[in-house]
Amino acid sequence: FSSAGARHGITDLKLGTVIDGETEA
């Protein structure tokens, strides 16, 4: 996040079947 890294707000749209959320990469 400090590097303005790639990140997405989690919605129904995803790749594959699993997506997990975190506050930092």
PDBML (XML) file of the C-alpha atoms, coordinates in Angstrom:
<?xml version="1.0" encoding="UTF-8" ?>
<PDBx:datablock datablockName="MODEL"
   xmlns:PDBx="http://pdbml.pdb.org/schema/pdbx-v50.xsd"
   xmlns:xsi="http://www.w3.org/2001/XMLSchema-instance"
   xsi:schemaLocation="http://pdbml.pdb.org/schema/pdbx-v50.xsd pdbx-v50.xsd">
   <PDBx:atom_siteCategory>
      <PDBx:atom_site id="1">
         <PDBx:B_iso_or_equiv>0.00</PDBx:B_iso_or_equiv>
         <PDBx:Cartn_x>0.000</PDBx:Cartn_x>
         <PDBx:Cartn_y>0.000</PDBx:Cartn_y>
         <PDBx:Cartn_z>0.000</PDBx:Cartn_z>
         <PDBx:auth_asym_id>A</PDBx:auth_asym_id>
         <PDBx:auth_atom_id>CA</PDBx:auth_atom_id>
         <PDBx:auth_comp_id>PHE</PDBx:auth_comp_id>
         <PDBx:auth_seq_id>1</PDBx:auth_seq_id>
         <PDBx:group_PDB>ATOM</PDBx:group_PDB>
         <PDBx:label_alt_id xsi:nil="true" />
         <PDBx:label_asym_id>A</PDBx:label_asym_id>
         <PDBx:label_atom_id>CA</PDBx:label_atom_id>
         <PDBx:label_comp_id>PHE</PDBx:label_comp_id>
         <PDBx:label_entity_id>1</PDBx:label_entity_id>
         <PDBx:label_seq_id>1</PDBx:label_seq_id>
         <PDBx:occupancy>1.00</PDBx:occupancy>
         <PDBx:pdbx_PDB_model_num>1</PDBx:pdbx_PDB_model_num>
         <PDBx:type_symbol>C</PDBx:type_symbol>
      </PDBx:atom_site>
      <PDBx:atom_site id="2">
         <PDBx:B_iso_or_equiv>0.00</PDBx:B_iso_or_equiv>
         <PDBx:Cartn_x>2.868</PDBx:Cartn_x>
         <PDBx:Cartn_y>2.380</PDBx:Cartn_y>
         <PDBx:Cartn_z>0.787</PDBx:Cartn_z>
         <PDBx:auth_asym_id>A</PDBx:auth_asym_id>
         <PDBx:auth_atom_id>CA</PDBx:auth_atom_id>
         <PDBx:auth_comp_id>SER</PDBx:auth_comp_id>
         <PDBx:auth_seq_id>2</PDBx:auth_seq_id>
         <PDBx:group_PDB>ATOM</PDBx:group_PDB>
         <PDBx:label_alt_id xsi:nil="true" />
         <PDBx:label_asym_id>A</PDBx:label_asym_id>
         <PDBx:label_atom_id>CA</PDBx:label_atom_id>
         <PDBx:label_comp_id>SER</PDBx:label_comp_id>
         <PDBx:label_entity_id>1</PDBx:label_entity_id>
         <PDBx:label_seq_id>2</PDBx:label_seq_id>
         <PDBx:occupancy>1.00</PDBx:occupancy>
         <PDBx:pdbx_PDB_model_num>1</PDBx:pdbx_PDB_model_num>
         <PDBx:type_symbol>C</PDBx:type_symbol>
      </PDBx:atom_site>
      <PDBx:atom_site id="3">
         <PDBx:B_iso_or_equiv>0.00</PDBx:B_iso_or_equiv>
         <PDBx:Cartn_x>4.075</PDBx:Cartn_x>
         <PDBx:Cartn_y>1.873</PDBx:Cartn_y>
         <PDBx:Cartn_z>-2.797</PDBx:Cartn_z>
         <PDBx:auth_asym_id>A</PDBx:auth_asym_id>
         <PDBx:auth_atom_id>CA</PDBx:auth_atom_id>
         <PDBx:auth_comp_id>SER</PDBx:auth_comp_id>
         <PDBx:auth_seq_id>3</PDBx:auth_seq_id>
         <PDBx:group_PDB>ATOM</PDBx:group_PDB>
         <PDBx:label_alt_id xsi:nil="true" />
         <PDBx:label_asym_id>A</PDBx:label_asym_id>
         <PDBx:label_atom_id>CA</PDBx:label_atom_id>
         <PDBx:label_comp_id>SER</PDBx:label_comp_id>
         <PDBx:label_entity_id>1</PDBx:label_entity_id>
         <PDBx:label_seq_id>3</PDBx:label_seq_id>
         <PDBx:occupancy>1.00</PDBx:occupancy>
         <PDBx:pdbx_PDB_model_num>1</PDBx:pdbx_PDB_model_num>
         <PDBx:type_symbol>C</PDBx:type_symbol>
      </PDBx:atom_site>
      <PDBx:atom_site id="4">
         <PDBx:B_iso_or_equiv>0.00</PDBx:B_iso_or_equiv>
         <PDBx:Cartn_x>0.597</PDBx:Cartn_x>
         <PDBx:Cartn_y>2.636</PDBx:Cartn_y>
         <PDBx:Cartn_z>-4.230</PDBx:Cartn_z>
         <PDBx:auth_asym_id>A</PDBx:auth_asym_id>
         <PDBx:auth_atom_id>CA</PDBx:auth_atom_id>
         <PDBx:auth_comp_id>ALA</PDBx:auth_comp_id>
         <PDBx:auth_seq_id>4</PDBx:auth_seq_id>
         <PDBx:group_PDB>ATOM</PDBx:group_PDB>
         <PDBx:label_alt_id xsi:nil="true" />
         <PDBx:label_asym_id>A</PDBx:label_asym_id>
         <PDBx:label_atom_id>CA</PDBx:label_atom_id>
         <PDBx:label_comp_id>ALA</PDBx:label_comp_id>
         <PDBx:label_entity_id>1</PDBx:label_entity_id>
         <PDBx:label_seq_id>4</PDBx:label_seq_id>
         <PDBx:occupancy>1.00</PDBx:occupancy>
         <PDBx:pdbx_PDB_model_num>1</PDBx:pdbx_PDB_model_num>
         <PDBx:type_symbol>C</PDBx:type_symbol>
      </PDBx:atom_site>
      <PDBx:atom_site id="5">
         <PDBx:B_iso_or_equiv>0.00</PDBx:B_iso_or_equiv>
         <PDBx:Cartn_x>0.512</PDBx:Cartn_x>
         <PDBx:Cartn_y>-1.037</PDBx:Cartn_y>
         <PDBx:Cartn_z>-5.142</PDBx:Cartn_z>
         <PDBx:auth_asym_id>A</PDBx:auth_asym_id>
         <PDBx:auth_atom_id>CA</PDBx:auth_atom_id>
         <PDBx:auth_comp_id>GLY</PDBx:auth_comp_id>
         <PDBx:auth_seq_id>5</PDBx:auth_seq_id>
         <PDBx:group_PDB>ATOM</PDBx:group_PDB>
         <PDBx:label_alt_id xsi:nil="true" />
         <PDBx:label_asym_id>A</PDBx:label_asym_id>
         <PDBx:label_atom_id>CA</PDBx:label_atom_id>
         <PDBx:label_comp_id>GLY</PDBx:label_comp_id>
         <PDBx:label_entity_id>1</PDBx:label_entity_id>
         <PDBx:label_seq_id>5</PDBx:label_seq_id>
         <PDBx:occupancy>1.00</PDBx:occupancy>
         <PDBx:pdbx_PDB_model_num>1</PDBx:pdbx_PDB_model_num>
         <PDBx:type_symbol>C</PDBx:type_symbol>
      </PDBx:atom_site>
      <PDBx:atom_site id="6">
         <PDBx:B_iso_or_equiv>0.00</PDBx:B_iso_or_equiv>
         <PDBx:Cartn_x>-2.132</PDBx:Cartn_x>
         <PDBx:Cartn_y>-2.870</PDBx:Cartn_y>
         <PDBx:Cartn_z>-7.137</PDBx:Cartn_z>
         <PDBx:auth_asym_id>A</PDBx:auth_asym_id>
         <PDBx:auth_atom_id>CA</PDBx:auth_atom_id>
         <PDBx:auth_comp_id>ALA</PDBx:auth_comp_id>
         <PDBx:auth_seq_id>6</PDBx:auth_seq_id>
         <PDBx:group_PDB>ATOM</PDBx:group_PDB>
         <PDBx:label_alt_id xsi:nil="true" />
         <PDBx:label_asym_id>A</PDBx:label_asym_id>
         <PDBx:label_atom_id>CA</PDBx:label_atom_id>
         <PDBx:label_comp_id>ALA</PDBx:label_comp_id>
         <PDBx:label_entity_id>1</PDBx:label_entity_id>
         <PDBx:label_seq_id>6</PDBx:label_seq_id>
         <PDBx:occupancy>1.00</PDBx:occupancy>
         <PDBx:pdbx_PDB_model_num>1</PDBx:pdbx_PDB_model_num>
         <PDBx:type_symbol>C</PDBx:type_symbol>
      </PDBx:atom_site>
      <PDBx:atom_site id="7">
         <PDBx:B_iso_or_equiv>0.00</PDBx:B_iso_or_equiv>
         <PDBx:Cartn_x>-5.272</PDBx:Cartn_x>
         <PDBx:Cartn_y>-3.351</PDBx:Cartn_y>
         <PDBx:Cartn_z>-5.019</PDBx:Cartn_z>
         <PDBx:auth_asym_id>A</PDBx:auth_asym_id>
         <PDBx:auth_atom_id>CA</PDBx:auth_atom_id>
         <PDBx:auth_comp_id>ARG</PDBx:auth_comp_id>
         <PDBx:auth_seq_id>7</PDBx:auth_seq_id>
         <PDBx:group_PDB>ATOM</PDBx:group_PDB>
         <PDBx:label_alt_id xsi:nil="true" />
         <PDBx:label_asym_id>A</PDBx:label_asym_id>
         <PDBx:label_atom_id>CA</PDBx:label_atom_id>
         <PDBx:label_comp_id>ARG</PDBx:label_comp_id>
         <PDBx:label_entity_id>1</PDBx:label_entity_id>
         <PDBx:label_seq_id>7</PDBx:label_seq_id>
         <PDBx:occupancy>1.00</PDBx:occupancy>
         <PDBx:pdbx_PDB_model_num>1</PDBx:pdbx_PDB_model_num>
         <PDBx:type_symbol>C</PDBx:type_symbol>
      </PDBx:atom_site>
      <PDBx:atom_site id="8">
         <PDBx:B_iso_or_equiv>0.00</PDBx:B_iso_or_equiv>
         <PDBx:Cartn_x>-9.002</PDBx:Cartn_x>
         <PDBx:Cartn_y>-3.829</PDBx:Cartn_y>
         <PDBx:Cartn_z>-5.513</PDBx:Cartn_z>
         <PDBx:auth_asym_id>A</PDBx:auth_asym_id>
         <PDBx:auth_atom_id>CA</PDBx:auth_atom_id>
         <PDBx:auth_comp_id>HIS</PDBx:auth_comp_id>
         <PDBx:auth_seq_id>8</PDBx:auth_seq_id>
         <PDBx:group_PDB>ATOM</PDBx:group_PDB>
         <PDBx:label_alt_id xsi:nil="true" />
         <PDBx:label_asym_id>A</PDBx:label_asym_id>
         <PDBx:label_atom_id>CA</PDBx:label_atom_id>
         <PDBx:label_comp_id>HIS</PDBx:label_comp_id>
         <PDBx:label_entity_id>1</PDBx:label_entity_id>
         <PDBx:label_seq_id>8</PDBx:label_seq_id>
         <PDBx:occupancy>1.00</PDBx:occupancy>
         <PDBx:pdbx_PDB_model_num>1</PDBx:pdbx_PDB_model_num>
         <PDBx:type_symbol>C</PDBx:type_symbol>
      </PDBx:atom_site>
      <PDBx:atom_site id="9">
         <PDBx:B_iso_or_equiv>0.00</PDBx:B_iso_or_equiv>
         <PDBx:Cartn_x>-12.111</PDBx:Cartn_x>
         <PDBx:Cartn_y>-3.314</PDBx:Cartn_y>
         <PDBx:Cartn_z>-3.452</PDBx:Cartn_z>
         <PDBx:auth_asym_id>A</PDBx:auth_asym_id>
         <PDBx:auth_atom_id>CA</PDBx:auth_atom_id>
         <PDBx:auth_comp_id>GLY</PDBx:auth_comp_id>
         <PDBx:auth_seq_id>9</PDBx:auth_seq_id>
         <PDBx:group_PDB>ATOM</PDBx:group_PDB>
         <PDBx:label_alt_id xsi:nil="true" />
         <PDBx:label_asym_id>A</PDBx:label_asym_id>
         <PDBx:label_atom_id>CA</PDBx:label_atom_id>
         <PDBx:label_comp_id>GLY</PDBx:label_comp_id>
         <PDBx:label_entity_id>1</PDBx:label_entity_id>
         <PDBx:label_seq_id>9</PDBx:label_seq_id>
         <PDBx:occupancy>1.00</PDBx:occupancy>
         <PDBx:pdbx_PDB_model_num>1</PDBx:pdbx_PDB_model_num>
         <PDBx:type_symbol>C</PDBx:type_symbol>
      </PDBx:atom_site>
      <PDBx:atom_site id="10">
         <PDBx:B_iso_or_equiv>0.00</PDBx:B_iso_or_equiv>
         <PDBx:Cartn_x>-13.632</PDBx:Cartn_x>
         <PDBx:Cartn_y>-6.776</PDBx:Cartn_y>
         <PDBx:Cartn_z>-3.123</PDBx:Cartn_z>
         <PDBx:auth_asym_id>A</PDBx:auth_asym_id>
         <PDBx:auth_atom_id>CA</PDBx:auth_atom_id>
         <PDBx:auth_comp_id>ILE</PDBx:auth_comp_id>
         <PDBx:auth_seq_id>10</PDBx:auth_seq_id>
         <PDBx:group_PDB>ATOM</PDBx:group_PDB>
         <PDBx:label_alt_id xsi:nil="true" />
         <PDBx:label_asym_id>A</PDBx:label_asym_id>
         <PDBx:label_atom_id>CA</PDBx:label_atom_id>
         <PDBx:label_comp_id>ILE</PDBx:label_comp_id>
         <PDBx:label_entity_id>1</PDBx:label_entity_id>
         <PDBx:label_seq_id>10</PDBx:label_seq_id>
         <PDBx:occupancy>1.00</PDBx:occupancy>
         <PDBx:pdbx_PDB_model_num>1</PDBx:pdbx_PDB_model_num>
         <PDBx:type_symbol>C</PDBx:type_symbol>
      </PDBx:atom_site>
      <PDBx:atom_site id="11">
         <PDBx:B_iso_or_equiv>0.00</PDBx:B_iso_or_equiv>
         <PDBx:Cartn_x>-16.957</PDBx:Cartn_x>
         <PDBx:Cartn_y>-7.220</PDBx:Cartn_y>
         <PDBx:Cartn_z>-4.924</PDBx:Cartn_z>
         <PDBx:auth_asym_id>A</PDBx:auth_asym_id>
         <PDBx:auth_atom_id>CA</PDBx:auth_atom_id>
         <PDBx:auth_comp_id>THR</PDBx:auth_comp_id>
         <PDBx:auth_seq_id>11</PDBx:auth_seq_id>
         <PDBx:group_PDB>ATOM</PDBx:group_PDB>
         <PDBx:label_alt_id xsi:nil="true" />
         <PDBx:label_asym_id>A</PDBx:label_asym_id>
         <PDBx:label_atom_id>CA</PDBx:label_atom_id>
         <PDBx:label_comp_id>THR</PDBx:label_comp_id>
         <PDBx:label_entity_id>1</PDBx:label_entity_id>
         <PDBx:label_seq_id>11</PDBx:label_seq_id>
         <PDBx:occupancy>1.00</PDBx:occupancy>
         <PDBx:pdbx_PDB_model_num>1</PDBx:pdbx_PDB_model_num>
         <PDBx:type_symbol>C</PDBx:type_symbol>
      </PDBx:atom_site>
      <PDBx:atom_site id="12">
         <PDBx:B_iso_or_equiv>0.00</PDBx:B_iso_or_equiv>
         <PDBx:Cartn_x>-18.569</PDBx:Cartn_x>
         <PDBx:Cartn_y>-10.155</PDBx:Cartn_y>
         <PDBx:Cartn_z>-6.712</PDBx:Cartn_z>
         <PDBx:auth_asym_id>A</PDBx:auth_asym_id>
         <PDBx:auth_atom_id>CA</PDBx:auth_atom_id>
         <PDBx:auth_comp_id>ASP</PDBx:auth_comp_id>
         <PDBx:auth_seq_id>12</PDBx:auth_seq_id>
         <PDBx:group_PDB>ATOM</PDBx:group_PDB>
         <PDBx:label_alt_id xsi:nil="true" />
         <PDBx:label_asym_id>A</PDBx:label_asym_id>
         <PDBx:label_atom_id>CA</PDBx:label_atom_id>
         <PDBx:label_comp_id>ASP</PDBx:label_comp_id>
         <PDBx:label_entity_id>1</PDBx:label_entity_id>
         <PDBx:label_seq_id>12</PDBx:label_seq_id>
         <PDBx:occupancy>1.00</PDBx:occupancy>
         <PDBx:pdbx_PDB_model_num>1</PDBx:pdbx_PDB_model_num>
         <PDBx:type_symbol>C</PDBx:type_symbol>
      </PDBx:atom_site>
      <PDBx:atom_site id="13">
         <PDBx:B_iso_or_equiv>0.00</PDBx:B_iso_or_equiv>
         <PDBx:Cartn_x>-16.154</PDBx:Cartn_x>
         <PDBx:Cartn_y>-9.747</PDBx:Cartn_y>
         <PDBx:Cartn_z>-9.641</PDBx:Cartn_z>
         <PDBx:auth_asym_id>A</PDBx:auth_asym_id>
         <PDBx:auth_atom_id>CA</PDBx:auth_atom_id>
         <PDBx:auth_comp_id>LEU</PDBx:auth_comp_id>
         <PDBx:auth_seq_id>13</PDBx:auth_seq_id>
         <PDBx:group_PDB>ATOM</PDBx:group_PDB>
         <PDBx:label_alt_id xsi:nil="true" />
         <PDBx:label_asym_id>A</PDBx:label_asym_id>
         <PDBx:label_atom_id>CA</PDBx:label_atom_id>
         <PDBx:label_comp_id>LEU</PDBx:label_comp_id>
         <PDBx:label_entity_id>1</PDBx:label_entity_id>
         <PDBx:label_seq_id>13</PDBx:label_seq_id>
         <PDBx:occupancy>1.00</PDBx:occupancy>
         <PDBx:pdbx_PDB_model_num>1</PDBx:pdbx_PDB_model_num>
         <PDBx:type_symbol>C</PDBx:type_symbol>
      </PDBx:atom_site>
      <PDBx:atom_site id="14">
         <PDBx:B_iso_or_equiv>0.00</PDBx:B_iso_or_equiv>
         <PDBx:Cartn_x>-13.101</PDBx:Cartn_x>
         <PDBx:Cartn_y>-11.997</PDBx:Cartn_y>
         <PDBx:Cartn_z>-9.278</PDBx:Cartn_z>
         <PDBx:auth_asym_id>A</PDBx:auth_asym_id>
         <PDBx:auth_atom_id>CA</PDBx:auth_atom_id>
         <PDBx:auth_comp_id>LYS</PDBx:auth_comp_id>
         <PDBx:auth_seq_id>14</PDBx:auth_seq_id>
         <PDBx:group_PDB>ATOM</PDBx:group_PDB>
         <PDBx:label_alt_id xsi:nil="true" />
         <PDBx:label_asym_id>A</PDBx:label_asym_id>
         <PDBx:label_atom_id>CA</PDBx:label_atom_id>
         <PDBx:label_comp_id>LYS</PDBx:label_comp_id>
         <PDBx:label_entity_id>1</PDBx:label_entity_id>
         <PDBx:label_seq_id>14</PDBx:label_seq_id>
         <PDBx:occupancy>1.00</PDBx:occupancy>
         <PDBx:pdbx_PDB_model_num>1</PDBx:pdbx_PDB_model_num>
         <PDBx:type_symbol>C</PDBx:type_symbol>
      </PDBx:atom_site>
      <PDBx:atom_site id="15">
         <PDBx:B_iso_or_equiv>0.00</PDBx:B_iso_or_equiv>
         <PDBx:Cartn_x>-10.638</PDBx:Cartn_x>
         <PDBx:Cartn_y>-14.379</PDBx:Cartn_y>
         <PDBx:Cartn_z>-10.894</PDBx:Cartn_z>
         <PDBx:auth_asym_id>A</PDBx:auth_asym_id>
         <PDBx:auth_atom_id>CA</PDBx:auth_atom_id>
         <PDBx:auth_comp_id>LEU</PDBx:auth_comp_id>
         <PDBx:auth_seq_id>15</PDBx:auth_seq_id>
         <PDBx:group_PDB>ATOM</PDBx:group_PDB>
         <PDBx:label_alt_id xsi:nil="true" />
         <PDBx:label_asym_id>A</PDBx:label_asym_id>
         <PDBx:label_atom_id>CA</PDBx:label_atom_id>
         <PDBx:label_comp_id>LEU</PDBx:label_comp_id>
         <PDBx:label_entity_id>1</PDBx:label_entity_id>
         <PDBx:label_seq_id>15</PDBx:label_seq_id>
         <PDBx:occupancy>1.00</PDBx:occupancy>
         <PDBx:pdbx_PDB_model_num>1</PDBx:pdbx_PDB_model_num>
         <PDBx:type_symbol>C</PDBx:type_symbol>
      </PDBx:atom_site>
      <PDBx:atom_site id="16">
         <PDBx:B_iso_or_equiv>0.00</PDBx:B_iso_or_equiv>
         <PDBx:Cartn_x>-11.244</PDBx:Cartn_x>
         <PDBx:Cartn_y>-17.995</PDBx:Cartn_y>
         <PDBx:Cartn_z>-9.929</PDBx:Cartn_z>
         <PDBx:auth_asym_id>A</PDBx:auth_asym_id>
         <PDBx:auth_atom_id>CA</PDBx:auth_atom_id>
         <PDBx:auth_comp_id>GLY</PDBx:auth_comp_id>
         <PDBx:auth_seq_id>16</PDBx:auth_seq_id>
         <PDBx:group_PDB>ATOM</PDBx:group_PDB>
         <PDBx:label_alt_id xsi:nil="true" />
         <PDBx:label_asym_id>A</PDBx:label_asym_id>
         <PDBx:label_atom_id>CA</PDBx:label_atom_id>
         <PDBx:label_comp_id>GLY</PDBx:label_comp_id>
         <PDBx:label_entity_id>1</PDBx:label_entity_id>
         <PDBx:label_seq_id>16</PDBx:label_seq_id>
         <PDBx:occupancy>1.00</PDBx:occupancy>
         <PDBx:pdbx_PDB_model_num>1</PDBx:pdbx_PDB_model_num>
         <PDBx:type_symbol>C</PDBx:type_symbol>
      </PDBx:atom_site>
      <PDBx:atom_site id="17">
         <PDBx:B_iso_or_equiv>0.00</PDBx:B_iso_or_equiv>
         <PDBx:Cartn_x>-13.401</PDBx:Cartn_x>
         <PDBx:Cartn_y>-18.918</PDBx:Cartn_y>
         <PDBx:Cartn_z>-6.968</PDBx:Cartn_z>
         <PDBx:auth_asym_id>A</PDBx:auth_asym_id>
         <PDBx:auth_atom_id>CA</PDBx:auth_atom_id>
         <PDBx:auth_comp_id>THR</PDBx:auth_comp_id>
         <PDBx:auth_seq_id>17</PDBx:auth_seq_id>
         <PDBx:group_PDB>ATOM</PDBx:group_PDB>
         <PDBx:label_alt_id xsi:nil="true" />
         <PDBx:label_asym_id>A</PDBx:label_asym_id>
         <PDBx:label_atom_id>CA</PDBx:label_atom_id>
         <PDBx:label_comp_id>THR</PDBx:label_comp_id>
         <PDBx:label_entity_id>1</PDBx:label_entity_id>
         <PDBx:label_seq_id>17</PDBx:label_seq_id>
         <PDBx:occupancy>1.00</PDBx:occupancy>
         <PDBx:pdbx_PDB_model_num>1</PDBx:pdbx_PDB_model_num>
         <PDBx:type_symbol>C</PDBx:type_symbol>
      </PDBx:atom_site>
      <PDBx:atom_site id="18">
         <PDBx:B_iso_or_equiv>0.00</PDBx:B_iso_or_equiv>
         <PDBx:Cartn_x>-11.335</PDBx:Cartn_x>
         <PDBx:Cartn_y>-17.684</PDBx:Cartn_y>
         <PDBx:Cartn_z>-4.002</PDBx:Cartn_z>
         <PDBx:auth_asym_id>A</PDBx:auth_asym_id>
         <PDBx:auth_atom_id>CA</PDBx:auth_atom_id>
         <PDBx:auth_comp_id>VAL</PDBx:auth_comp_id>
         <PDBx:auth_seq_id>18</PDBx:auth_seq_id>
         <PDBx:group_PDB>ATOM</PDBx:group_PDB>
         <PDBx:label_alt_id xsi:nil="true" />
         <PDBx:label_asym_id>A</PDBx:label_asym_id>
         <PDBx:label_atom_id>CA</PDBx:label_atom_id>
         <PDBx:label_comp_id>VAL</PDBx:label_comp_id>
         <PDBx:label_entity_id>1</PDBx:label_entity_id>
         <PDBx:label_seq_id>18</PDBx:label_seq_id>
         <PDBx:occupancy>1.00</PDBx:occupancy>
         <PDBx:pdbx_PDB_model_num>1</PDBx:pdbx_PDB_model_num>
         <PDBx:type_symbol>C</PDBx:type_symbol>
      </PDBx:atom_site>
      <PDBx:atom_site id="19">
         <PDBx:B_iso_or_equiv>0.00</PDBx:B_iso_or_equiv>
         <PDBx:Cartn_x>-10.534</PDBx:Cartn_x>
         <PDBx:Cartn_y>-14.111</PDBx:Cartn_y>
         <PDBx:Cartn_z>-2.997</PDBx:Cartn_z>
         <PDBx:auth_asym_id>A</PDBx:auth_asym_id>
         <PDBx:auth_atom_id>CA</PDBx:auth_atom_id>
         <PDBx:auth_comp_id>ILE</PDBx:auth_comp_id>
         <PDBx:auth_seq_id>19</PDBx:auth_seq_id>
         <PDBx:group_PDB>ATOM</PDBx:group_PDB>
         <PDBx:label_alt_id xsi:nil="true" />
         <PDBx:label_asym_id>A</PDBx:label_asym_id>
         <PDBx:label_atom_id>CA</PDBx:label_atom_id>
         <PDBx:label_comp_id>ILE</PDBx:label_comp_id>
         <PDBx:label_entity_id>1</PDBx:label_entity_id>
         <PDBx:label_seq_id>19</PDBx:label_seq_id>
         <PDBx:occupancy>1.00</PDBx:occupancy>
         <PDBx:pdbx_PDB_model_num>1</PDBx:pdbx_PDB_model_num>
         <PDBx:type_symbol>C</PDBx:type_symbol>
      </PDBx:atom_site>
      <PDBx:atom_site id="20">
         <PDBx:B_iso_or_equiv>0.00</PDBx:B_iso_or_equiv>
         <PDBx:Cartn_x>-9.316</PDBx:Cartn_x>
         <PDBx:Cartn_y>-12.955</PDBx:Cartn_y>
         <PDBx:Cartn_z>0.384</PDBx:Cartn_z>
         <PDBx:auth_asym_id>A</PDBx:auth_asym_id>
         <PDBx:auth_atom_id>CA</PDBx:auth_atom_id>
         <PDBx:auth_comp_id>ASP</PDBx:auth_comp_id>
         <PDBx:auth_seq_id>20</PDBx:auth_seq_id>
         <PDBx:group_PDB>ATOM</PDBx:group_PDB>
         <PDBx:label_alt_id xsi:nil="true" />
         <PDBx:label_asym_id>A</PDBx:label_asym_id>
         <PDBx:label_atom_id>CA</PDBx:label_atom_id>
         <PDBx:label_comp_id>ASP</PDBx:label_comp_id>
         <PDBx:label_entity_id>1</PDBx:label_entity_id>
         <PDBx:label_seq_id>20</PDBx:label_seq_id>
         <PDBx:occupancy>1.00</PDBx:occupancy>
         <PDBx:pdbx_PDB_model_num>1</PDBx:pdbx_PDB_model_num>
         <PDBx:type_symbol>C</PDBx:type_symbol>
      </PDBx:atom_site>
      <PDBx:atom_site id="21">
         <PDBx:B_iso_or_equiv>0.00</PDBx:B_iso_or_equiv>
         <PDBx:Cartn_x>-9.085</PDBx:Cartn_x>
         <PDBx:Cartn_y>-9.516</PDBx:Cartn_y>
         <PDBx:Cartn_z>1.914</PDBx:Cartn_z>
         <PDBx:auth_asym_id>A</PDBx:auth_asym_id>
         <PDBx:auth_atom_id>CA</PDBx:auth_atom_id>
         <PDBx:auth_comp_id>GLY</PDBx:auth_comp_id>
         <PDBx:auth_seq_id>21</PDBx:auth_seq_id>
         <PDBx:group_PDB>ATOM</PDBx:group_PDB>
         <PDBx:label_alt_id xsi:nil="true" />
         <PDBx:label_asym_id>A</PDBx:label_asym_id>
         <PDBx:label_atom_id>CA</PDBx:label_atom_id>
         <PDBx:label_comp_id>GLY</PDBx:label_comp_id>
         <PDBx:label_entity_id>1</PDBx:label_entity_id>
         <PDBx:label_seq_id>21</PDBx:label_seq_id>
         <PDBx:occupancy>1.00</PDBx:occupancy>
         <PDBx:pdbx_PDB_model_num>1</PDBx:pdbx_PDB_model_num>
         <PDBx:type_symbol>C</PDBx:type_symbol>
      </PDBx:atom_site>
      <PDBx:atom_site id="22">
         <PDBx:B_iso_or_equiv>0.00</PDBx:B_iso_or_equiv>
         <PDBx:Cartn_x>-6.273</PDBx:Cartn_x>
         <PDBx:Cartn_y>-7.912</PDBx:Cartn_y>
         <PDBx:Cartn_z>3.853</PDBx:Cartn_z>
         <PDBx:auth_asym_id>A</PDBx:auth_asym_id>
         <PDBx:auth_atom_id>CA</PDBx:auth_atom_id>
         <PDBx:auth_comp_id>GLU</PDBx:auth_comp_id>
         <PDBx:auth_seq_id>22</PDBx:auth_seq_id>
         <PDBx:group_PDB>ATOM</PDBx:group_PDB>
         <PDBx:label_alt_id xsi:nil="true" />
         <PDBx:label_asym_id>A</PDBx:label_asym_id>
         <PDBx:label_atom_id>CA</PDBx:label_atom_id>
         <PDBx:label_comp_id>GLU</PDBx:label_comp_id>
         <PDBx:label_entity_id>1</PDBx:label_entity_id>
         <PDBx:label_seq_id>22</PDBx:label_seq_id>
         <PDBx:occupancy>1.00</PDBx:occupancy>
         <PDBx:pdbx_PDB_model_num>1</PDBx:pdbx_PDB_model_num>
         <PDBx:type_symbol>C</PDBx:type_symbol>
      </PDBx:atom_site>
      <PDBx:atom_site id="23">
         <PDBx:B_iso_or_equiv>0.00</PDBx:B_iso_or_equiv>
         <PDBx:Cartn_x>-5.280</PDBx:Cartn_x>
         <PDBx:Cartn_y>-4.441</PDBx:Cartn_y>
         <PDBx:Cartn_z>5.013</PDBx:Cartn_z>
         <PDBx:auth_asym_id>A</PDBx:auth_asym_id>
         <PDBx:auth_atom_id>CA</PDBx:auth_atom_id>
         <PDBx:auth_comp_id>THR</PDBx:auth_comp_id>
         <PDBx:auth_seq_id>23</PDBx:auth_seq_id>
         <PDBx:group_PDB>ATOM</PDBx:group_PDB>
         <PDBx:label_alt_id xsi:nil="true" />
         <PDBx:label_asym_id>A</PDBx:label_asym_id>
         <PDBx:label_atom_id>CA</PDBx:label_atom_id>
         <PDBx:label_comp_id>THR</PDBx:label_comp_id>
         <PDBx:label_entity_id>1</PDBx:label_entity_id>
         <PDBx:label_seq_id>23</PDBx:label_seq_id>
         <PDBx:occupancy>1.00</PDBx:occupancy>
         <PDBx:pdbx_PDB_model_num>1</PDBx:pdbx_PDB_model_num>
         <PDBx:type_symbol>C</PDBx:type_symbol>
      </PDBx:atom_site>
      <PDBx:atom_site id="24">
         <PDBx:B_iso_or_equiv>0.00</PDBx:B_iso_or_equiv>
         <PDBx:Cartn_x>-1.792</PDBx:Cartn_x>
         <PDBx:Cartn_y>-4.755</PDBx:Cartn_y>
         <PDBx:Cartn_z>3.523</PDBx:Cartn_z>
         <PDBx:auth_asym_id>A</PDBx:auth_asym_id>
         <PDBx:auth_atom_id>CA</PDBx:auth_atom_id>
         <PDBx:auth_comp_id>GLU</PDBx:auth_comp_id>
         <PDBx:auth_seq_id>24</PDBx:auth_seq_id>
         <PDBx:group_PDB>ATOM</PDBx:group_PDB>
         <PDBx:label_alt_id xsi:nil="true" />
         <PDBx:label_asym_id>A</PDBx:label_asym_id>
         <PDBx:label_atom_id>CA</PDBx:label_atom_id>
         <PDBx:label_comp_id>GLU</PDBx:label_comp_id>
         <PDBx:label_entity_id>1</PDBx:label_entity_id>
         <PDBx:label_seq_id>24</PDBx:label_seq_id>
         <PDBx:occupancy>1.00</PDBx:occupancy>
         <PDBx:pdbx_PDB_model_num>1</PDBx:pdbx_PDB_model_num>
         <PDBx:type_symbol>C</PDBx:type_symbol>
      </PDBx:atom_site>
      <PDBx:atom_site id="25">
         <PDBx:B_iso_or_equiv>0.00</PDBx:B_iso_or_equiv>
         <PDBx:Cartn_x>-0.094</PDBx:Cartn_x>
         <PDBx:Cartn_y>-6.831</PDBx:Cartn_y>
         <PDBx:Cartn_z>0.850</PDBx:Cartn_z>
         <PDBx:auth_asym_id>A</PDBx:auth_asym_id>
         <PDBx:auth_atom_id>CA</PDBx:auth_atom_id>
         <PDBx:auth_comp_id>ALA</PDBx:auth_comp_id>
         <PDBx:auth_seq_id>25</PDBx:auth_seq_id>
         <PDBx:group_PDB>ATOM</PDBx:group_PDB>
         <PDBx:label_alt_id xsi:nil="true" />
         <PDBx:label_asym_id>A</PDBx:label_asym_id>
         <PDBx:label_atom_id>CA</PDBx:label_atom_id>
         <PDBx:label_comp_id>ALA</PDBx:label_comp_id>
         <PDBx:label_entity_id>1</PDBx:label_entity_id>
         <PDBx:label_seq_id>25</PDBx:label_seq_id>
         <PDBx:occupancy>1.00</PDBx:occupancy>
         <PDBx:pdbx_PDB_model_num>1</PDBx:pdbx_PDB_model_num>
         <PDBx:type_symbol>C</PDBx:type_symbol>
      </PDBx:atom_site>
   </PDBx:atom_siteCategory>
</PDBx:datablock>
